[in-house]
Amino acid sequence: QAQLVESGGGLVPPGGPLRFSCAAPGFPFDNYVTAWFRQAPGKEREEVSCITHRAGSTHYADSVKDRFTISRDSATKMAYLQMNSLNPEDTGIYYCTADHTCRENPRYWGPGTQVTVSS
């Protein structure tokens, strides 16, 4: 059964780094783009970043540009989100997603992982 599973969440102090991993066992990884979304408390869900499966083109939300880096490895069916210079506004639940294109409401979602940026 195709599924997405995130890992790497936790508590991190402001300014610190964190790296998410997304495992996609049983997923036709090469046919899907992967994207990270987040749901911050009291805010609407937003796309953080997306990476295409063929050209490896990337897109970032303005709020995370130059701080976050998305990547993927088709051989291992893993996707990653490296987050640097975290601030409290980055707090929220982060989701790994997949679909045929980068879109507002991807078809496949992982269960999510919580990140809290606080001192």
C-alpha atoms as a PDB file:
ATOM      1  CA  GLN A   1       0.000   0.000   0.000  1.00  0.00           C
ATOM      2  CA  ALA A   2       1.405   3.349  -1.028  1.00  0.00           C
ATOM      3  CA  GLN A   3       2.026   5.685   1.858  1.00  0.00           C
ATOM      4  CA  LEU A   4       4.031   8.686   2.941  1.00  0.00           C
ATOM      5  CA  VAL A   5       5.619   8.859   6.376  1.00  0.00           C
ATOM      6  CA  GLU A   6       7.350  11.924   7.775  1.00  0.00           C
ATOM      7  CA  SER A   7       9.999  11.962  10.466  1.00  0.00           C
ATOM      8  CA  GLY A   8      12.276  14.530  12.059  1.00  0.00           C
ATOM      9  CA  GLY A   9       9.915  16.808  13.948  1.00  0.00           C
ATOM     10  CA  GLY A  10      10.492  18.097  17.446  1.00  0.00           C
ATOM     11  CA  LEU A  11      11.385  21.094  19.564  1.00  0.00           C
ATOM     12  CA  VAL A  12      14.102  23.405  18.267  1.00  0.00           C
ATOM     13  CA  PRO A  13      15.365  26.767  19.551  1.00  0.00           C
ATOM     14  CA  PRO A  14      15.057  29.888  17.396  1.00  0.00           C
ATOM     15  CA  GLY A  15      17.816  30.061  14.842  1.00  0.00           C
ATOM     16  CA  GLY A  16      18.353  26.337  14.884  1.00  0.00           C
ATOM     17  CA  PRO A  17      18.181  23.808  12.051  1.00  0.00           C
ATOM     18  CA  LEU A  18      15.991  20.792  11.544  1.00  0.00           C
ATOM     19  CA  ARG A  19      15.684  18.233   8.798  1.00  0.00           C
ATOM     20  CA  PHE A  20      12.568  16.372   7.801  1.00  0.00           C
ATOM     21  CA  SER A  21      12.559  13.082   5.987  1.00  0.00           C
ATOM     22  CA  CYS A  22       9.687  11.566   4.068  1.00  0.00           C
ATOM     23  CA  ALA A  23       9.664   7.878   3.253  1.00  0.00           C
ATOM     24  CA  ALA A  24       7.478   6.667   0.409  1.00  0.00           C
ATOM     25  CA  PRO A  25       7.464   2.857   0.509  1.00  0.00           C
ATOM     26  CA  GLY A  26       5.301   1.258  -2.131  1.00  0.00           C
ATOM     27  CA  PHE A  27       4.946   4.577  -3.930  1.00  0.00           C
ATOM     28  CA  PRO A  28       5.599   5.046  -7.674  1.00  0.00           C
ATOM     29  CA  PHE A  29       7.990   7.773  -6.605  1.00  0.00           C
ATOM     30  CA  ASP A  30       9.344   8.578 -10.049  1.00  0.00           C
ATOM     31  CA  ASN A  31       5.873   9.517 -11.286  1.00  0.00           C
ATOM     32  CA  TYR A  32       5.080  12.035  -8.572  1.00  0.00           C
ATOM     33  CA  VAL A  33       6.269  15.412  -7.430  1.00  0.00           C
ATOM     34  CA  THR A  34       6.738  15.815  -3.701  1.00  0.00           C
ATOM     35  CA  ALA A  35       5.840  18.849  -1.667  1.00  0.00           C
ATOM     36  CA  TRP A  36       5.888  19.937   1.948  1.00  0.00           C
ATOM     37  CA  PHE A  37       2.928  21.748   3.466  1.00  0.00           C
ATOM     38  CA  ARG A  38       2.500  23.139   6.930  1.00  0.00           C
ATOM     39  CA  GLN A  39      -0.366  24.044   9.197  1.00  0.00           C
ATOM     40  CA  ALA A  40       0.525  26.690  11.744  1.00  0.00           C
ATOM     41  CA  PRO A  41      -1.726  27.359  14.744  1.00  0.00           C
ATOM     42  CA  GLY A  42      -4.529  29.713  13.773  1.00  0.00           C
ATOM     43  CA  LYS A  43      -3.380  29.960  10.169  1.00  0.00           C
ATOM     44  CA  GLU A  44      -4.389  28.421   6.903  1.00  0.00           C
ATOM     45  CA  ARG A  45      -2.440  25.513   5.554  1.00  0.00           C
ATOM     46  CA  GLU A  46       0.254  26.583   3.112  1.00  0.00           C
ATOM     47  CA  GLU A  47       2.643  24.992   0.702  1.00  0.00           C
ATOM     48  CA  VAL A  48       6.199  25.370   1.923  1.00  0.00           C
ATOM     49  CA  SER A  49       8.047  23.879  -0.987  1.00  0.00           C
ATOM     50  CA  CYS A  50       7.648  21.569  -3.959  1.00  0.00           C
ATOM     51  CA  ILE A  51      10.104  19.637  -6.106  1.00  0.00           C
ATOM     52  CA  THR A  52       9.311  18.022  -9.434  1.00  0.00           C
ATOM     53  CA  HIS A  53      10.200  14.435 -10.198  1.00  0.00           C
ATOM     54  CA  ARG A  54      11.792  14.874 -13.620  1.00  0.00           C
ATOM     55  CA  ALA A  55      13.674  18.134 -13.809  1.00  0.00           C
ATOM     56  CA  GLY A  56      14.031  18.526 -10.076  1.00  0.00           C
ATOM     57  CA  SER A  57      12.657  22.049 -10.302  1.00  0.00           C
ATOM     58  CA  THR A  58      11.925  23.592  -6.948  1.00  0.00           C
ATOM     59  CA  HIS A  59       9.508  26.164  -5.615  1.00  0.00           C
ATOM     60  CA  TYR A  60       9.501  27.829  -2.195  1.00  0.00           C
ATOM     61  CA  ALA A  61       7.096  29.989  -0.278  1.00  0.00           C
ATOM     62  CA  ASP A  62       8.470  33.504   0.153  1.00  0.00           C
ATOM     63  CA  SER A  63       8.545  33.026   3.916  1.00  0.00           C
ATOM     64  CA  VAL A  64      11.078  30.192   3.692  1.00  0.00           C
ATOM     65  CA  LYS A  65      13.209  31.151   0.687  1.00  0.00           C
ATOM     66  CA  ASP A  66      16.926  31.077   1.394  1.00  0.00           C
ATOM     67  CA  ARG A  67      16.279  29.173   4.641  1.00  0.00           C
ATOM     68  CA  PHE A  68      14.711  25.897   3.532  1.00  0.00           C
ATOM     69  CA  THR A  69      15.962  23.410   0.960  1.00  0.00           C
ATOM     70  CA  ILE A  70      13.865  20.631  -0.526  1.00  0.00           C
ATOM     71  CA  SER A  71      15.392  17.544  -2.097  1.00  0.00           C
ATOM     72  CA  ARG A  72      14.516  14.008  -3.089  1.00  0.00           C
ATOM     73  CA  ASP A  73      16.227  10.736  -3.876  1.00  0.00           C
ATOM     74  CA  SER A  74      14.406   8.519  -6.342  1.00  0.00           C
ATOM     75  CA  ALA A  75      16.685   5.561  -5.669  1.00  0.00           C
ATOM     76  CA  THR A  76      15.667   5.389  -2.023  1.00  0.00           C
ATOM     77  CA  LYS A  77      12.195   6.907  -2.446  1.00  0.00           C
ATOM     78  CA  MET A  78      12.954   9.570   0.105  1.00  0.00           C
ATOM     79  CA  ALA A  79      12.199  13.277   0.202  1.00  0.00           C
ATOM     80  CA  TYR A  80      13.784  15.809   2.520  1.00  0.00           C
ATOM     81  CA  LEU A  81      13.281  19.309   3.812  1.00  0.00           C
ATOM     82  CA  GLN A  82      16.294  20.981   5.360  1.00  0.00           C
ATOM     83  CA  MET A  83      15.223  23.939   7.472  1.00  0.00           C
ATOM     84  CA  ASN A  84      17.699  26.505   8.741  1.00  0.00           C
ATOM     85  CA  SER A  85      17.367  29.688  10.761  1.00  0.00           C
ATOM     86  CA  LEU A  86      14.071  28.563  12.186  1.00  0.00           C
ATOM     87  CA  ASN A  87      11.872  31.099  13.905  1.00  0.00           C
ATOM     88  CA  PRO A  88       8.690  30.768  16.005  1.00  0.00           C
ATOM     89  CA  GLU A  89       6.558  31.487  12.918  1.00  0.00           C
ATOM     90  CA  ASP A  90       7.766  28.182  11.496  1.00  0.00           C
ATOM     91  CA  THR A  91       5.991  26.296  14.269  1.00  0.00           C
ATOM     92  CA  GLY A  92       3.326  23.932  13.033  1.00  0.00           C
ATOM     93  CA  ILE A  93       2.537  20.528  11.645  1.00  0.00           C
ATOM     94  CA  TYR A  94       4.465  19.689   8.501  1.00  0.00           C
ATOM     95  CA  TYR A  95       3.139  17.289   5.913  1.00  0.00           C
ATOM     96  CA  CYS A  96       4.834  15.412   3.120  1.00  0.00           C
ATOM     97  CA  THR A  97       2.626  15.194   0.043  1.00  0.00           C
ATOM     98  CA  ALA A  98       2.687  13.763  -3.458  1.00  0.00           C
ATOM     99  CA  ASP A  99       0.814  14.297  -6.678  1.00  0.00           C
ATOM    100  CA  HIS A 100       1.473  14.455 -10.400  1.00  0.00           C
ATOM    101  CA  THR A 101       2.029  18.215 -10.250  1.00  0.00           C
ATOM    102  CA  CYS A 102       2.743  20.855  -7.647  1.00  0.00           C
ATOM    103  CA  ARG A 103      -0.731  21.942  -6.595  1.00  0.00           C
ATOM    104  CA  GLU A 104      -2.682  23.498  -3.743  1.00  0.00           C
ATOM    105  CA  ASN A 105      -4.334  20.277  -2.629  1.00  0.00           C
ATOM    106  CA  PRO A 106      -2.155  17.246  -3.388  1.00  0.00           C
ATOM    107  CA  ARG A 107      -3.743  13.857  -3.578  1.00  0.00           C
ATOM    108  CA  TYR A 108      -1.514  11.993  -1.138  1.00  0.00           C
ATOM    109  CA  TRP A 109      -0.609  13.135   2.365  1.00  0.00           C
ATOM    110  CA  GLY A 110       1.490  11.812   5.173  1.00  0.00           C
ATOM    111  CA  PRO A 111       0.149  11.955   8.744  1.00  0.00           C
ATOM    112  CA  GLY A 112       2.291  15.008   9.564  1.00  0.00           C
ATOM    113  CA  THR A 113       5.021  15.799  12.043  1.00  0.00           C
ATOM    114  CA  GLN A 114       5.029  18.583  14.620  1.00  0.00           C
ATOM    115  CA  VAL A 115       7.703  21.260  14.811  1.00  0.00           C
ATOM    116  CA  THR A 116       7.851  23.736  17.679  1.00  0.00           C
ATOM    117  CA  VAL A 117      10.348  26.565  17.505  1.00  0.00           C
ATOM    118  CA  SER A 118      10.763  27.958  20.974  1.00  0.00           C
ATOM    119  CA  SER A 119      13.411  28.827  23.497  1.00  0.00           C
END
